Protein backbone atom coordinates (compact mmCIF):
# COMPACT_ATOMS: atom_id res chain seq x y z
CA MET A 1 -86.90 34.60 16.44
CA THR A 2 -89.02 37.57 17.38
CA ILE A 3 -88.24 40.35 19.78
CA ASP A 4 -91.13 41.69 21.75
CA ASP A 5 -91.41 45.15 23.22
CA SER A 6 -90.40 44.03 26.71
CA ASP A 7 -87.12 42.51 25.41
CA LEU A 8 -86.39 45.68 23.44
CA HIS A 9 -87.18 47.82 26.46
CA SER A 10 -84.93 45.66 28.68
CA ALA A 11 -82.05 45.89 26.17
CA LEU A 12 -82.41 49.68 25.95
CA MET A 13 -82.40 49.99 29.74
CA LYS A 14 -79.19 47.92 29.94
CA LEU A 15 -77.59 50.06 27.24
CA GLN A 16 -78.52 53.27 29.08
CA LYS A 17 -77.09 51.85 32.31
CA ILE A 18 -73.81 50.96 30.55
CA LYS A 19 -73.61 54.46 29.03
CA ALA A 20 -74.23 56.07 32.43
CA GLN A 21 -71.48 53.93 34.00
CA ALA A 22 -69.08 54.84 31.17
CA ARG A 23 -69.81 58.57 31.69
CA LEU A 24 -69.19 58.19 35.43
CA VAL A 25 -65.86 56.45 34.81
CA ALA A 26 -64.84 59.21 32.37
CA ILE A 27 -65.76 61.94 34.86
CA LEU A 28 -63.93 60.25 37.74
CA SER A 29 -60.86 59.64 35.58
CA GLY A 30 -60.77 63.33 34.76
CA LEU A 31 -60.99 64.27 38.43
CA LEU A 32 -58.29 61.86 39.63
CA PRO A 33 -55.24 64.12 38.96
CA ALA A 34 -56.90 67.03 40.76
CA ALA A 35 -57.86 64.79 43.68
CA CYS A 36 -54.27 63.60 44.07
CA ALA A 37 -53.13 67.20 44.44
CA TRP A 38 -55.47 67.65 47.41
CA PHE A 39 -53.82 64.92 49.48
CA PRO A 40 -50.42 65.99 50.86
CA GLY A 41 -49.46 62.37 51.60
CA MET A 42 -49.44 61.65 47.88
CA GLN A 43 -46.52 63.93 46.99
CA PRO A 44 -43.78 62.44 44.83
CA ALA A 45 -40.83 60.91 46.64
CA ASN A 46 -37.84 63.18 47.24
CA PRO A 47 -34.96 61.77 45.14
CA LEU A 48 -32.33 62.96 47.63
CA ILE A 49 -33.74 61.02 50.59
CA GLY A 50 -31.39 58.20 51.53
CA THR A 51 -27.77 57.63 52.48
CA TRP A 52 -24.84 58.91 50.46
CA SER A 53 -21.11 58.29 50.92
CA THR A 54 -17.99 60.31 50.17
CA PRO A 55 -14.80 58.72 48.79
CA ASP A 56 -13.44 58.89 52.38
CA HIS A 57 -16.41 56.74 53.55
CA ASN A 58 -18.10 59.56 55.45
CA GLN A 59 -21.87 59.29 55.14
CA VAL A 60 -24.67 61.81 54.84
CA THR A 61 -28.24 60.61 55.31
CA PHE A 62 -31.07 62.83 54.14
CA GLN A 63 -34.37 62.39 55.91
CA PRO A 64 -37.51 64.42 55.14
CA ASP A 65 -36.80 66.82 58.01
CA ALA A 66 -33.20 66.20 59.06
CA VAL A 67 -29.63 65.49 57.97
CA VAL A 68 -27.59 62.83 59.74
CA VAL A 69 -23.80 62.95 59.33
CA THR A 70 -21.74 59.84 60.08
CA PRO A 71 -17.94 60.16 59.92
CA ASP A 72 -15.98 57.10 58.83
CA LYS A 73 -15.83 54.81 61.88
CA GLY A 74 -17.72 57.42 63.92
CA GLN A 75 -21.09 57.83 65.52
CA PRO A 76 -24.02 59.32 63.58
CA ALA A 77 -25.02 62.87 64.51
CA THR A 78 -28.22 64.60 63.49
CA MET A 79 -27.54 68.21 62.56
CA SER A 80 -29.43 70.75 64.66
CA GLN A 81 -29.46 74.36 65.76
CA ALA A 82 -27.32 73.40 68.74
CA ASP A 83 -24.56 72.26 66.35
CA CYS A 84 -24.80 75.46 64.31
CA ASN A 85 -24.80 78.30 66.89
CA GLY A 86 -28.58 78.52 66.67
CA VAL A 87 -28.69 78.85 62.87
CA TYR A 88 -29.72 75.62 61.13
CA LYS A 89 -31.98 75.26 58.11
CA LEU A 90 -32.69 72.42 55.69
CA VAL A 91 -34.52 73.17 52.43
CA TYR A 92 -35.29 70.74 49.60
CA GLY A 93 -36.10 71.99 46.12
CA ARG A 94 -34.53 72.80 42.76
CA MET A 95 -31.73 75.24 42.11
CA GLY A 96 -30.42 76.88 38.99
CA THR A 97 -26.76 76.31 38.14
CA VAL A 98 -25.82 79.83 37.03
CA PRO A 99 -25.83 81.37 40.54
CA LEU A 100 -23.69 78.48 41.83
CA GLU A 101 -21.16 78.87 39.04
CA GLN A 102 -20.89 82.60 39.79
CA ALA A 103 -20.84 82.30 43.60
CA PHE A 104 -17.10 81.77 43.96
CA ALA A 105 -15.63 84.67 41.98
CA THR A 106 -12.23 84.40 43.68
CA GLN A 107 -11.95 80.65 43.04
CA ALA A 108 -11.59 80.20 39.28
CA ASP A 109 -10.70 76.52 39.69
CA LEU A 110 -13.95 75.83 41.58
CA GLN A 111 -15.99 77.80 39.01
CA GLY A 112 -14.40 75.70 36.24
CA LYS A 113 -15.20 72.42 38.00
CA LEU A 114 -18.80 73.49 38.51
CA ARG A 115 -19.17 74.46 34.84
CA GLN A 116 -17.87 71.01 33.84
CA LEU A 117 -20.16 69.14 36.25
CA LEU A 118 -23.36 71.13 36.00
CA LEU A 119 -24.62 70.55 32.47
CA GLN A 120 -28.34 71.04 33.14
CA PRO A 121 -29.96 74.41 33.90
CA ASP A 122 -31.18 73.23 37.32
CA TYR A 123 -30.98 70.27 39.68
CA PRO A 124 -32.80 68.80 42.70
CA VAL A 125 -31.03 70.09 45.82
CA ALA A 126 -30.86 69.92 49.55
CA ASP A 127 -29.56 73.20 50.91
CA VAL A 128 -28.23 73.10 54.46
CA THR A 129 -27.36 76.29 56.32
CA CYS A 130 -25.29 75.91 59.47
CA ASP A 131 -24.12 78.98 61.38
CA ARG A 132 -22.55 81.30 58.76
CA GLY A 133 -21.79 78.61 56.21
CA GLY A 134 -23.56 75.76 54.58
CA THR A 135 -23.65 73.05 51.98
CA THR A 136 -25.68 72.70 48.82
CA TYR A 137 -26.13 69.09 47.76
CA LEU A 138 -26.99 68.71 44.05
CA LEU A 139 -28.35 65.46 42.69
CA LEU A 140 -26.55 64.82 39.38
CA ASP A 141 -28.32 61.53 38.68
CA ASP A 142 -29.82 58.58 40.58
CA ARG A 143 -26.41 57.47 41.90
CA GLN A 144 -24.28 60.65 42.07
CA MET A 145 -24.42 63.85 44.06
CA ILE A 146 -22.02 66.71 44.67
CA ALA A 147 -21.71 68.76 47.82
CA ILE A 148 -20.74 72.39 47.40
CA TYR A 149 -19.42 73.70 50.70
CA ARG A 150 -19.41 77.42 51.43
CA ASP A 151 -18.02 79.26 54.43
CA ALA A 152 -17.17 82.97 54.55
CA GLY A 153 -17.08 83.26 50.75
CA VAL A 154 -14.79 80.26 50.30
CA GLY A 155 -16.11 77.13 48.62
CA GLY A 156 -15.23 73.51 48.14
CA ILE A 157 -16.68 70.54 46.33
CA GLU A 158 -16.99 66.85 47.15
CA HIS A 159 -18.50 63.91 45.28
CA LEU A 160 -20.94 61.50 46.94
CA SER A 161 -22.51 58.30 45.72
CA ARG A 162 -25.70 56.59 46.85
CA LEU A 163 -25.37 53.60 49.16
């Protein structure tokens, strides 16, 4: 079998085309993470979004821009500025545990409970401010959350589980 110049030329052209396609794939693969950052709709899902229940069967539903509270055997109510004397704020993020453990200096029992529960340096949170008080919801794991209530320097804690 003999290979003439036209066959060799054709094979070289195919090889160059394959190399060019491979370079393009490599370049595009390198750009993909940066491209994802440009599109706000491609943000990771918020792990707190969903419905959570207290041991007393009260429910708290976190939505991207709202909190809906449903008392056991009651009607759901979306929290708003009207419910909170004009002061309502919902912020999702991460929070360090040290400030929380130190926030209730006059409540040694609450500080002790927080030290026992909060083993990581920070957690995903939803922080809700309502009037002069508020609640910080900390996601302990996929199924458990705690709510740390604060009002006029006094705090409380409640466990919630995902529905």
